[in-house]
Amino acid sequence: ELAAAEPDIRPTLTRIEAKAFKKRVQGAGAPPASDRPALIKRIARLR
């Protein structure tokens, strides 16, 4: 998601824009396999 968002990241980016982009990207379907390590870290953090 960060790789996809990087071209849009700028000092004038608003929270509304960031949340909208995040919602759009995260609603695009199941997380890719490359997210597995991040999900494992998130589970550990939540535990």
All heavy atoms as atom14 arrays in JSON, in Angstrom:
{
  "sequence": "ELAAAEPDIRPTLTRIEAKAFKKRVQGAGAPPASDRPALIKRIARLR",
  "atom14_mask": [
    [1, 1, 1, 1, 1, 1, 1, 1, 1, 0, 0, 0, 0, 0],
    [1, 1, 1, 1, 1, 1, 1, 1, 0, 0, 0, 0, 0, 0],
    [1, 1, 1, 1, 1, 0, 0, 0, 0, 0, 0, 0, 0, 0],
    [1, 1, 1, 1, 1, 0, 0, 0, 0, 0, 0, 0, 0, 0],
    [1, 1, 1, 1, 1, 0, 0, 0, 0, 0, 0, 0, 0, 0],
    [1, 1, 1, 1, 1, 1, 1, 1, 1, 0, 0, 0, 0, 0],
    [1, 1, 1, 1, 1, 1, 1, 0, 0, 0, 0, 0, 0, 0],
    [1, 1, 1, 1, 1, 1, 1, 1, 0, 0, 0, 0, 0, 0],
    [1, 1, 1, 1, 1, 1, 1, 1, 0, 0, 0, 0, 0, 0],
    [1, 1, 1, 1, 1, 1, 1, 1, 1, 1, 1, 0, 0, 0],
    [1, 1, 1, 1, 1, 1, 1, 0, 0, 0, 0, 0, 0, 0],
    [1, 1, 1, 1, 1, 1, 1, 0, 0, 0, 0, 0, 0, 0],
    [1, 1, 1, 1, 1, 1, 1, 1, 0, 0, 0, 0, 0, 0],
    [1, 1, 1, 1, 1, 1, 1, 0, 0, 0, 0, 0, 0, 0],
    [1, 1, 1, 1, 1, 1, 1, 1, 1, 1, 1, 0, 0, 0],
    [1, 1, 1, 1, 1, 1, 1, 1, 0, 0, 0, 0, 0, 0],
    [1, 1, 1, 1, 1, 1, 1, 1, 1, 0, 0, 0, 0, 0],
    [1, 1, 1, 1, 1, 0, 0, 0, 0, 0, 0, 0, 0, 0],
    [1, 1, 1, 1, 1, 1, 1, 1, 1, 0, 0, 0, 0, 0],
    [1, 1, 1, 1, 1, 0, 0, 0, 0, 0, 0, 0, 0, 0],
    [1, 1, 1, 1, 1, 1, 1, 1, 1, 1, 1, 0, 0, 0],
    [1, 1, 1, 1, 1, 1, 1, 1, 1, 0, 0, 0, 0, 0],
    [1, 1, 1, 1, 1, 1, 1, 1, 1, 0, 0, 0, 0, 0],
    [1, 1, 1, 1, 1, 1, 1, 1, 1, 1, 1, 0, 0, 0],
    [1, 1, 1, 1, 1, 1, 1, 0, 0, 0, 0, 0, 0, 0],
    [1, 1, 1, 1, 1, 1, 1, 1, 1, 0, 0, 0, 0, 0],
    [1, 1, 1, 1, 0, 0, 0, 0, 0, 0, 0, 0, 0, 0],
    [1, 1, 1, 1, 1, 0, 0, 0, 0, 0, 0, 0, 0, 0],
    [1, 1, 1, 1, 0, 0, 0, 0, 0, 0, 0, 0, 0, 0],
    [1, 1, 1, 1, 1, 0, 0, 0, 0, 0, 0, 0, 0, 0],
    [1, 1, 1, 1, 1, 1, 1, 0, 0, 0, 0, 0, 0, 0],
    [1, 1, 1, 1, 1, 1, 1, 0, 0, 0, 0, 0, 0, 0],
    [1, 1, 1, 1, 1, 0, 0, 0, 0, 0, 0, 0, 0, 0],
    [1, 1, 1, 1, 1, 1, 0, 0, 0, 0, 0, 0, 0, 0],
    [1, 1, 1, 1, 1, 1, 1, 1, 0, 0, 0, 0, 0, 0],
    [1, 1, 1, 1, 1, 1, 1, 1, 1, 1, 1, 0, 0, 0],
    [1, 1, 1, 1, 1, 1, 1, 0, 0, 0, 0, 0, 0, 0],
    [1, 1, 1, 1, 1, 0, 0, 0, 0, 0, 0, 0, 0, 0],
    [1, 1, 1, 1, 1, 1, 1, 1, 0, 0, 0, 0, 0, 0],
    [1, 1, 1, 1, 1, 1, 1, 1, 0, 0, 0, 0, 0, 0],
    [1, 1, 1, 1, 1, 1, 1, 1, 1, 0, 0, 0, 0, 0],
    [1, 1, 1, 1, 1, 1, 1, 1, 1, 1, 1, 0, 0, 0],
    [1, 1, 1, 1, 1, 1, 1, 1, 0, 0, 0, 0, 0, 0],
    [1, 1, 1, 1, 1, 0, 0, 0, 0, 0, 0, 0, 0, 0],
    [1, 1, 1, 1, 1, 1, 1, 1, 1, 1, 1, 0, 0, 0],
    [1, 1, 1, 1, 1, 1, 1, 1, 0, 0, 0, 0, 0, 0],
    [1, 1, 1, 1, 1, 1, 1, 1, 1, 1, 1, 0, 0, 0]
  ],
  "atom14_positions": [
    [[0.83, -1.2, 0.0], [0.0, 0.0, 0.0], [0.87, 1.26, 0.0], [0.58, 2.22, -0.7], [-0.93, 0.0, 1.22], [-1.97, -1.1, 1.19], [-2.64, -1.33, 2.53], [-2.18, -0.79, 3.55], [-3.62, -2.08, 2.55], [0.0, 0.0, 0.0], [0.0, 0.0, 0.0], [0.0, 0.0, 0.0], [0.0, 0.0, 0.0], [0.0, 0.0, 0.0]],
    [[1.95, 1.21, 0.77], [2.86, 2.36, 0.83], [3.51, 2.58, -0.53], [3.62, 3.72, -0.99], [3.92, 2.15, 1.91], [4.89, 3.3, 2.12], [4.14, 4.57, 2.55], [5.93, 2.93, 3.17], [0.0, 0.0, 0.0], [0.0, 0.0, 0.0], [0.0, 0.0, 0.0], [0.0, 0.0, 0.0], [0.0, 0.0, 0.0], [0.0, 0.0, 0.0]],
    [[3.9, 1.5, -1.18], [4.51, 1.62, -2.51], [3.51, 2.26, -3.49], [3.89, 3.11, -4.3], [4.95, 0.26, -3.03], [0.0, 0.0, 0.0], [0.0, 0.0, 0.0], [0.0, 0.0, 0.0], [0.0, 0.0, 0.0], [0.0, 0.0, 0.0], [0.0, 0.0, 0.0], [0.0, 0.0, 0.0], [0.0, 0.0, 0.0], [0.0, 0.0, 0.0]],
    [[2.25, 1.87, -3.38], [1.23, 2.45, -4.26], [0.95, 3.91, -3.9], [0.66, 4.73, -4.78], [-0.06, 1.64, -4.18], [0.0, 0.0, 0.0], [0.0, 0.0, 0.0], [0.0, 0.0, 0.0], [0.0, 0.0, 0.0], [0.0, 0.0, 0.0], [0.0, 0.0, 0.0], [0.0, 0.0, 0.0], [0.0, 0.0, 0.0], [0.0, 0.0, 0.0]],
    [[1.05, 4.24, -2.63], [0.74, 5.59, -2.16], [1.9, 6.56, -2.33], [1.69, 7.77, -2.38], [0.34, 5.55, -0.69], [0.0, 0.0, 0.0], [0.0, 0.0, 0.0], [0.0, 0.0, 0.0], [0.0, 0.0, 0.0], [0.0, 0.0, 0.0], [0.0, 0.0, 0.0], [0.0, 0.0, 0.0], [0.0, 0.0, 0.0], [0.0, 0.0, 0.0]],
    [[3.1, 6.05, -2.43], [4.29, 6.92, -2.39], [4.25, 8.1, -3.35], [4.59, 9.21, -2.96], [5.56, 6.1, -2.6], [6.79, 6.9, -2.28], [8.03, 6.05, -2.12], [7.93, 4.81, -2.09], [9.1, 6.65, -2.05], [0.0, 0.0, 0.0], [0.0, 0.0, 0.0], [0.0, 0.0, 0.0], [0.0, 0.0, 0.0], [0.0, 0.0, 0.0]],
    [[3.79, 7.93, -4.6], [3.76, 9.11, -5.48], [2.82, 10.22, -4.98], [3.01, 11.38, -5.33], [3.25, 8.54, -6.8], [3.49, 7.08, -6.74], [3.43, 6.71, -5.3], [0.0, 0.0, 0.0], [0.0, 0.0, 0.0], [0.0, 0.0, 0.0], [0.0, 0.0, 0.0], [0.0, 0.0, 0.0], [0.0, 0.0, 0.0], [0.0, 0.0, 0.0]],
    [[1.82, 9.85, -4.19], [0.85, 10.83, -3.69], [1.25, 11.47, -2.37], [0.6, 12.4, -1.9], [-0.52, 10.19, -3.54], [-1.09, 9.72, -4.87], [-0.87, 10.44, -5.87], [-1.71, 8.65, -4.91], [0.0, 0.0, 0.0], [0.0, 0.0, 0.0], [0.0, 0.0, 0.0], [0.0, 0.0, 0.0], [0.0, 0.0, 0.0], [0.0, 0.0, 0.0]],
    [[2.29, 10.94, -1.73], [2.69, 11.48, -0.43], [3.44, 12.78, -0.64], [4.39, 12.85, -1.4], [3.54, 10.45, 0.34], [2.68, 9.21, 0.65], [4.1, 11.07, 1.61], [3.44, 8.06, 1.26], [0.0, 0.0, 0.0], [0.0, 0.0, 0.0], [0.0, 0.0, 0.0], [0.0, 0.0, 0.0], [0.0, 0.0, 0.0], [0.0, 0.0, 0.0]],
    [[2.95, 13.8, 0.04], [3.51, 15.15, -0.1], [3.23, 15.92, 1.19], [2.34, 15.54, 1.97], [2.88, 15.86, -1.29], [1.38, 16.06, -1.15], [0.7, 16.54, -2.43], [-0.68, 16.87, -2.19], [-1.67, 15.99, -2.01], [-1.42, 14.7, -2.02], [-2.92, 16.39, -1.81], [0.0, 0.0, 0.0], [0.0, 0.0, 0.0], [0.0, 0.0, 0.0]],
    [[3.96, 16.99, 1.42], [3.76, 17.75, 2.67], [2.35, 18.32, 2.83], [1.9, 18.54, 3.95], [4.78, 18.89, 2.57], [5.84, 18.34, 1.68], [5.12, 17.47, 0.68], [0.0, 0.0, 0.0], [0.0, 0.0, 0.0], [0.0, 0.0, 0.0], [0.0, 0.0, 0.0], [0.0, 0.0, 0.0], [0.0, 0.0, 0.0], [0.0, 0.0, 0.0]],
    [[1.62, 18.52, 1.73], [0.28, 19.11, 1.83], [-0.82, 18.06, 1.91], [-2.01, 18.41, 1.92], [0.01, 20.02, 0.62], [0.15, 19.26, -0.57], [0.97, 21.21, 0.61], [0.0, 0.0, 0.0], [0.0, 0.0, 0.0], [0.0, 0.0, 0.0], [0.0, 0.0, 0.0], [0.0, 0.0, 0.0], [0.0, 0.0, 0.0], [0.0, 0.0, 0.0]],
    [[-0.46, 16.77, 1.97], [-1.45, 15.7, 2.06], [-2.28, 15.88, 3.32], [-1.75, 16.09, 4.41], [-0.75, 14.34, 2.09], [-1.65, 13.11, 2.08], [-2.29, 12.94, 0.72], [-0.84, 11.87, 2.44], [0.0, 0.0, 0.0], [0.0, 0.0, 0.0], [0.0, 0.0, 0.0], [0.0, 0.0, 0.0], [0.0, 0.0, 0.0], [0.0, 0.0, 0.0]],
    [[-3.59, 15.8, 3.18], [-4.48, 15.95, 4.34], [-4.84, 14.58, 4.9], [-4.7, 13.56, 4.23], [-5.78, 16.68, 3.95], [-6.53, 15.85, 3.06], [-5.49, 18.05, 3.33], [0.0, 0.0, 0.0], [0.0, 0.0, 0.0], [0.0, 0.0, 0.0], [0.0, 0.0, 0.0], [0.0, 0.0, 0.0], [0.0, 0.0, 0.0], [0.0, 0.0, 0.0]],
    [[-5.34, 14.59, 6.12], [-5.76, 13.34, 6.75], [-6.93, 12.73, 5.98], [-7.0, 11.51, 5.8], [-6.14, 13.6, 8.21], [-6.43, 12.33, 8.95], [-6.6, 12.6, 10.43], [-6.78, 11.35, 11.13], [-7.45, 11.23, 12.25], [-7.98, 12.29, 12.81], [-7.58, 10.06, 12.83], [0.0, 0.0, 0.0], [0.0, 0.0, 0.0], [0.0, 0.0, 0.0]],
    [[-7.83, 13.55, 5.51], [-8.98, 13.05, 4.74], [-8.49, 12.34, 3.48], [-8.97, 11.25, 3.15], [-9.95, 14.21, 4.4], [-10.63, 14.71, 5.68], [-10.98, 13.77, 3.37], [-11.43, 15.97, 5.51], [0.0, 0.0, 0.0], [0.0, 0.0, 0.0], [0.0, 0.0, 0.0], [0.0, 0.0, 0.0], [0.0, 0.0, 0.0], [0.0, 0.0, 0.0]],
    [[-7.52, 12.95, 2.77], [-6.97, 12.31, 1.57], [-6.28, 10.99, 1.92], [-6.45, 9.99, 1.21], [-5.96, 13.23, 0.9], [-6.54, 14.46, 0.25], [-5.47, 15.41, -0.24], [-4.5, 15.68, 0.49], [-5.62, 15.88, -1.39], [0.0, 0.0, 0.0], [0.0, 0.0, 0.0], [0.0, 0.0, 0.0], [0.0, 0.0, 0.0], [0.0, 0.0, 0.0]],
    [[-5.5, 10.98, 3.0], [-4.78, 9.77, 3.4], [-5.76, 8.66, 3.78], [-5.58, 7.51, 3.39], [-3.84, 10.08, 4.56], [0.0, 0.0, 0.0], [0.0, 0.0, 0.0], [0.0, 0.0, 0.0], [0.0, 0.0, 0.0], [0.0, 0.0, 0.0], [0.0, 0.0, 0.0], [0.0, 0.0, 0.0], [0.0, 0.0, 0.0], [0.0, 0.0, 0.0]],
    [[-6.8, 9.01, 4.54], [-7.79, 8.01, 4.93], [-8.55, 7.47, 3.71], [-8.81, 6.27, 3.61], [-8.78, 8.58, 5.95], [-8.23, 8.67, 7.34], [-9.3, 9.23, 8.27], [-9.08, 8.74, 9.65], [-9.71, 7.51, 10.02], [0.0, 0.0, 0.0], [0.0, 0.0, 0.0], [0.0, 0.0, 0.0], [0.0, 0.0, 0.0], [0.0, 0.0, 0.0]],
    [[-8.89, 8.35, 2.78], [-9.6, 7.93, 1.58], [-8.73, 6.99, 0.75], [-9.21, 5.95, 0.26], [-10.01, 9.14, 0.75], [0.0, 0.0, 0.0], [0.0, 0.0, 0.0], [0.0, 0.0, 0.0], [0.0, 0.0, 0.0], [0.0, 0.0, 0.0], [0.0, 0.0, 0.0], [0.0, 0.0, 0.0], [0.0, 0.0, 0.0], [0.0, 0.0, 0.0]],
    [[-7.46, 7.33, 0.58], [-6.56, 6.47, -0.18], [-6.42, 5.11, 0.52], [-6.5, 4.06, -0.12], [-5.18, 7.11, -0.33], [-4.23, 6.23, -1.09], [-4.24, 6.23, -2.47], [-3.38, 5.36, -0.44], [-3.4, 5.4, -3.19], [-2.54, 4.53, -1.13], [-2.54, 4.54, -2.52], [0.0, 0.0, 0.0], [0.0, 0.0, 0.0], [0.0, 0.0, 0.0]],
    [[-6.24, 5.14, 1.83], [-6.08, 3.92, 2.61], [-7.31, 3.02, 2.47], [-7.19, 1.82, 2.24], [-5.85, 4.3, 4.07], [-5.44, 3.17, 4.96], [-5.13, 3.75, 6.33], [-4.56, 2.71, 7.23], [-4.21, 3.27, 8.54], [0.0, 0.0, 0.0], [0.0, 0.0, 0.0], [0.0, 0.0, 0.0], [0.0, 0.0, 0.0], [0.0, 0.0, 0.0]],
    [[-8.47, 3.62, 2.56], [-9.72, 2.87, 2.43], [-9.84, 2.25, 1.04], [-10.21, 1.09, 0.89], [-10.91, 3.78, 2.72], [-12.23, 3.07, 2.8], [-13.32, 4.05, 3.21], [-14.63, 3.33, 3.4], [-15.69, 4.23, 3.86], [0.0, 0.0, 0.0], [0.0, 0.0, 0.0], [0.0, 0.0, 0.0], [0.0, 0.0, 0.0], [0.0, 0.0, 0.0]],
    [[-9.51, 3.03, 0.03], [-9.57, 2.55, -1.35], [-8.61, 1.38, -1.57], [-8.97, 0.36, -2.15], [-9.24, 3.72, -2.29], [-9.7, 3.58, -3.69], [-9.56, 4.87, -4.52], [-8.27, 5.53, -4.45], [-8.04, 6.68, -3.82], [-9.01, 7.31, -3.21], [-6.84, 7.21, -3.81], [0.0, 0.0, 0.0], [0.0, 0.0, 0.0], [0.0, 0.0, 0.0]],
    [[-7.39, 1.51, -1.1], [-6.38, 0.47, -1.3], [-6.7, -0.77, -0.48], [-6.58, -1.89, -0.97], [-4.97, 1.01, -0.95], [-3.94, -0.09, -0.99], [-4.58, 2.11, -1.91], [0.0, 0.0, 0.0], [0.0, 0.0, 0.0], [0.0, 0.0, 0.0], [0.0, 0.0, 0.0], [0.0, 0.0, 0.0], [0.0, 0.0, 0.0], [0.0, 0.0, 0.0]],
    [[-7.11, -0.59, 0.76], [-7.37, -1.73, 1.62], [-8.65, -2.46, 1.23], [-8.8, -3.63, 1.54], [-7.42, -1.3, 3.08], [-6.04, -0.9, 3.57], [-6.06, -0.41, 5.01], [-7.08, 0.0, 5.54], [-4.89, -0.43, 5.62], [0.0, 0.0, 0.0], [0.0, 0.0, 0.0], [0.0, 0.0, 0.0], [0.0, 0.0, 0.0], [0.0, 0.0, 0.0]],
    [[-9.54, -1.78, 0.55], [-10.77, -2.43, 0.11], [-10.63, -3.13, -1.22], [-11.59, -3.65, -1.76], [0.0, 0.0, 0.0], [0.0, 0.0, 0.0], [0.0, 0.0, 0.0], [0.0, 0.0, 0.0], [0.0, 0.0, 0.0], [0.0, 0.0, 0.0], [0.0, 0.0, 0.0], [0.0, 0.0, 0.0], [0.0, 0.0, 0.0], [0.0, 0.0, 0.0]],
    [[-9.43, -3.2, -1.73], [-9.19, -3.77, -3.06], [-9.17, -5.29, -3.09], [-8.98, -5.87, -4.14], [-7.87, -3.22, -3.63], [0.0, 0.0, 0.0], [0.0, 0.0, 0.0], [0.0, 0.0, 0.0], [0.0, 0.0, 0.0], [0.0, 0.0, 0.0], [0.0, 0.0, 0.0], [0.0, 0.0, 0.0], [0.0, 0.0, 0.0], [0.0, 0.0, 0.0]],
    [[-9.36, -5.94, -1.97], [-9.38, -7.4, -1.97], [-8.52, -7.96, -0.86], [-8.09, -7.26, 0.04], [0.0, 0.0, 0.0], [0.0, 0.0, 0.0], [0.0, 0.0, 0.0], [0.0, 0.0, 0.0], [0.0, 0.0, 0.0], [0.0, 0.0, 0.0], [0.0, 0.0, 0.0], [0.0, 0.0, 0.0], [0.0, 0.0, 0.0], [0.0, 0.0, 0.0]],
    [[-8.25, -9.25, -0.96], [-7.47, -9.94, 0.06], [-6.03, -9.41, 0.05], [-5.51, -9.04, -1.0], [-7.46, -11.44, -0.21], [0.0, 0.0, 0.0], [0.0, 0.0, 0.0], [0.0, 0.0, 0.0], [0.0, 0.0, 0.0], [0.0, 0.0, 0.0], [0.0, 0.0, 0.0], [0.0, 0.0, 0.0], [0.0, 0.0, 0.0], [0.0, 0.0, 0.0]],
    [[-5.4, -9.4, 1.22], [-4.03, -8.92, 1.25], [-3.11, -9.85, 0.47], [-3.3, -11.06, 0.48], [-3.68, -8.93, 2.75], [-4.67, -9.79, 3.41], [-5.89, -9.82, 2.52], [0.0, 0.0, 0.0], [0.0, 0.0, 0.0], [0.0, 0.0, 0.0], [0.0, 0.0, 0.0], [0.0, 0.0, 0.0], [0.0, 0.0, 0.0], [0.0, 0.0, 0.0]],
    [[-2.12, -9.3, -0.22], [-1.2, -10.13, -0.98], [-0.32, -10.96, -0.04], [-0.17, -10.64, 1.14], [-0.36, -9.13, -1.77], [-0.54, -7.83, -1.08], [-1.86, -7.9, -0.36], [0.0, 0.0, 0.0], [0.0, 0.0, 0.0], [0.0, 0.0, 0.0], [0.0, 0.0, 0.0], [0.0, 0.0, 0.0], [0.0, 0.0, 0.0], [0.0, 0.0, 0.0]],
    [[0.26, -12.01, -0.57], [1.11, -12.89, 0.23], [2.28, -12.13, 0.84], [2.77, -12.51, 1.91], [1.62, -14.04, -0.64], [0.0, 0.0, 0.0], [0.0, 0.0, 0.0], [0.0, 0.0, 0.0], [0.0, 0.0, 0.0], [0.0, 0.0, 0.0], [0.0, 0.0, 0.0], [0.0, 0.0, 0.0], [0.0, 0.0, 0.0], [0.0, 0.0, 0.0]],
    [[2.72, -11.06, 0.2], [3.84, -10.29, 0.73], [3.48, -9.6, 2.05], [4.36, -9.15, 2.77], [4.31, -9.25, -0.29], [3.28, -8.33, -0.55], [0.0, 0.0, 0.0], [0.0, 0.0, 0.0], [0.0, 0.0, 0.0], [0.0, 0.0, 0.0], [0.0, 0.0, 0.0], [0.0, 0.0, 0.0], [0.0, 0.0, 0.0], [0.0, 0.0, 0.0]],
    [[2.18, -9.52, 2.38], [1.75, -8.91, 3.64], [1.85, -9.9, 4.8], [1.64, -9.51, 5.95], [0.32, -8.41, 3.54], [0.23, -7.06, 2.85], [1.27, -6.51, 2.46], [-0.89, -6.58, 2.71], [0.0, 0.0, 0.0], [0.0, 0.0, 0.0], [0.0, 0.0, 0.0], [0.0, 0.0, 0.0], [0.0, 0.0, 0.0], [0.0, 0.0, 0.0]],
    [[2.13, -11.15, 4.52], [2.17, -12.17, 5.57], [3.09, -11.79, 6.73], [2.67, -11.84, 7.89], [2.55, -13.53, 4.99], [2.53, -14.65, 5.99], [2.75, -16.01, 5.3], [2.9, -17.08, 6.26], [1.93, -17.59, 6.99], [0.71, -17.09, 6.86], [2.15, -18.54, 7.84], [0.0, 0.0, 0.0], [0.0, 0.0, 0.0], [0.0, 0.0, 0.0]],
    [[4.34, -11.37, 6.48], [5.2, -10.98, 7.61], [4.62, -9.81, 8.41], [4.71, -9.79, 9.64], [6.53, -10.59, 6.96], [6.52, -11.27, 5.63], [5.08, -11.34, 5.22], [0.0, 0.0, 0.0], [0.0, 0.0, 0.0], [0.0, 0.0, 0.0], [0.0, 0.0, 0.0], [0.0, 0.0, 0.0], [0.0, 0.0, 0.0], [0.0, 0.0, 0.0]],
    [[4.03, -8.86, 7.71], [3.43, -7.72, 8.4], [2.24, -8.16, 9.25], [2.06, -7.68, 10.37], [3.0, -6.65, 7.41], [0.0, 0.0, 0.0], [0.0, 0.0, 0.0], [0.0, 0.0, 0.0], [0.0, 0.0, 0.0], [0.0, 0.0, 0.0], [0.0, 0.0, 0.0], [0.0, 0.0, 0.0], [0.0, 0.0, 0.0], [0.0, 0.0, 0.0]],
    [[1.45, -9.08, 8.73], [0.31, -9.59, 9.49], [0.77, -10.39, 10.71], [0.17, -10.28, 11.79], [-0.6, -10.45, 8.6], [-1.38, -9.69, 7.54], [-2.08, -10.66, 6.58], [-2.41, -8.77, 8.19], [0.0, 0.0, 0.0], [0.0, 0.0, 0.0], [0.0, 0.0, 0.0], [0.0, 0.0, 0.0], [0.0, 0.0, 0.0], [0.0, 0.0, 0.0]],
    [[1.84, -11.14, 10.56], [2.39, -11.89, 11.68], [2.88, -10.93, 12.76], [2.63, -11.13, 13.95], [3.5, -12.85, 11.21], [2.88, -13.99, 10.37], [4.3, -13.41, 12.38], [3.89, -14.86, 9.64], [0.0, 0.0, 0.0], [0.0, 0.0, 0.0], [0.0, 0.0, 0.0], [0.0, 0.0, 0.0], [0.0, 0.0, 0.0], [0.0, 0.0, 0.0]],
    [[3.57, -9.85, 12.35], [4.02, -8.85, 13.31], [2.84, -8.17, 13.99], [2.85, -7.92, 15.19], [4.88, -7.79, 12.6], [6.29, -8.25, 12.31], [7.04, -7.22, 11.5], [7.57, -6.12, 12.37], [8.46, -5.2, 11.62], [0.0, 0.0, 0.0], [0.0, 0.0, 0.0], [0.0, 0.0, 0.0], [0.0, 0.0, 0.0], [0.0, 0.0, 0.0]],
    [[1.78, -7.9, 13.2], [0.6, -7.25, 13.77], [-0.06, -8.15, 14.81], [-0.46, -7.7, 15.88], [-0.38, -6.91, 12.66], [-1.62, -6.21, 13.16], [-2.51, -5.77, 12.03], [-3.68, -5.13, 12.58], [-4.88, -5.13, 12.0], [-5.02, -5.7, 10.83], [-5.89, -4.54, 12.56], [0.0, 0.0, 0.0], [0.0, 0.0, 0.0], [0.0, 0.0, 0.0]],
    [[-0.17, -9.44, 14.49], [-0.75, -10.4, 15.45], [0.07, -10.43, 16.73], [-0.48, -10.42, 17.83], [-0.88, -11.8, 14.81], [-1.98, -11.78, 13.74], [-1.15, -12.87, 15.87], [-2.02, -13.02, 12.87], [0.0, 0.0, 0.0], [0.0, 0.0, 0.0], [0.0, 0.0, 0.0], [0.0, 0.0, 0.0], [0.0, 0.0, 0.0], [0.0, 0.0, 0.0]],
    [[1.4, -10.45, 16.58], [2.28, -10.46, 17.76], [2.07, -9.19, 18.58], [1.99, -9.24, 19.82], [3.73, -10.6, 17.34], [0.0, 0.0, 0.0], [0.0, 0.0, 0.0], [0.0, 0.0, 0.0], [0.0, 0.0, 0.0], [0.0, 0.0, 0.0], [0.0, 0.0, 0.0], [0.0, 0.0, 0.0], [0.0, 0.0, 0.0], [0.0, 0.0, 0.0]],
    [[1.97, -8.04, 17.91], [1.75, -6.77, 18.61], [0.41, -6.78, 19.33], [0.29, -6.37, 20.48], [1.83, -5.6, 17.64], [1.64, -4.24, 18.3], [1.73, -3.08, 17.31], [0.9, -3.21, 16.13], [-0.41, -2.95, 16.08], [-1.04, -2.55, 17.16], [-1.08, -3.09, 14.96], [0.0, 0.0, 0.0], [0.0, 0.0, 0.0], [0.0, 0.0, 0.0]],
    [[-0.63, -7.28, 18.64], [-1.95, -7.34, 19.26], [-1.99, -8.3, 20.44], [-2.63, -8.02, 21.46], [-3.0, -7.72, 18.21], [-3.28, -6.65, 17.15], [-4.15, -7.21, 16.03], [-3.92, -5.42, 17.76], [0.0, 0.0, 0.0], [0.0, 0.0, 0.0], [0.0, 0.0, 0.0], [0.0, 0.0, 0.0], [0.0, 0.0, 0.0], [0.0, 0.0, 0.0]],
    [[-1.26, -9.43, 20.32], [-1.18, -10.36, 21.46], [-0.49, -9.7, 22.63], [-0.89, -9.89, 23.78], [-0.44, -11.63, 21.03], [-1.29, -12.54, 20.19], [-0.57, -13.83, 19.86], [-1.46, -14.7, 19.09], [-1.06, -15.52, 18.15], [0.23, -15.64, 17.86], [-1.92, -16.26, 17.49], [0.0, 0.0, 0.0], [0.0, 0.0, 0.0], [0.0, 0.0, 0.0]]
  ]
}
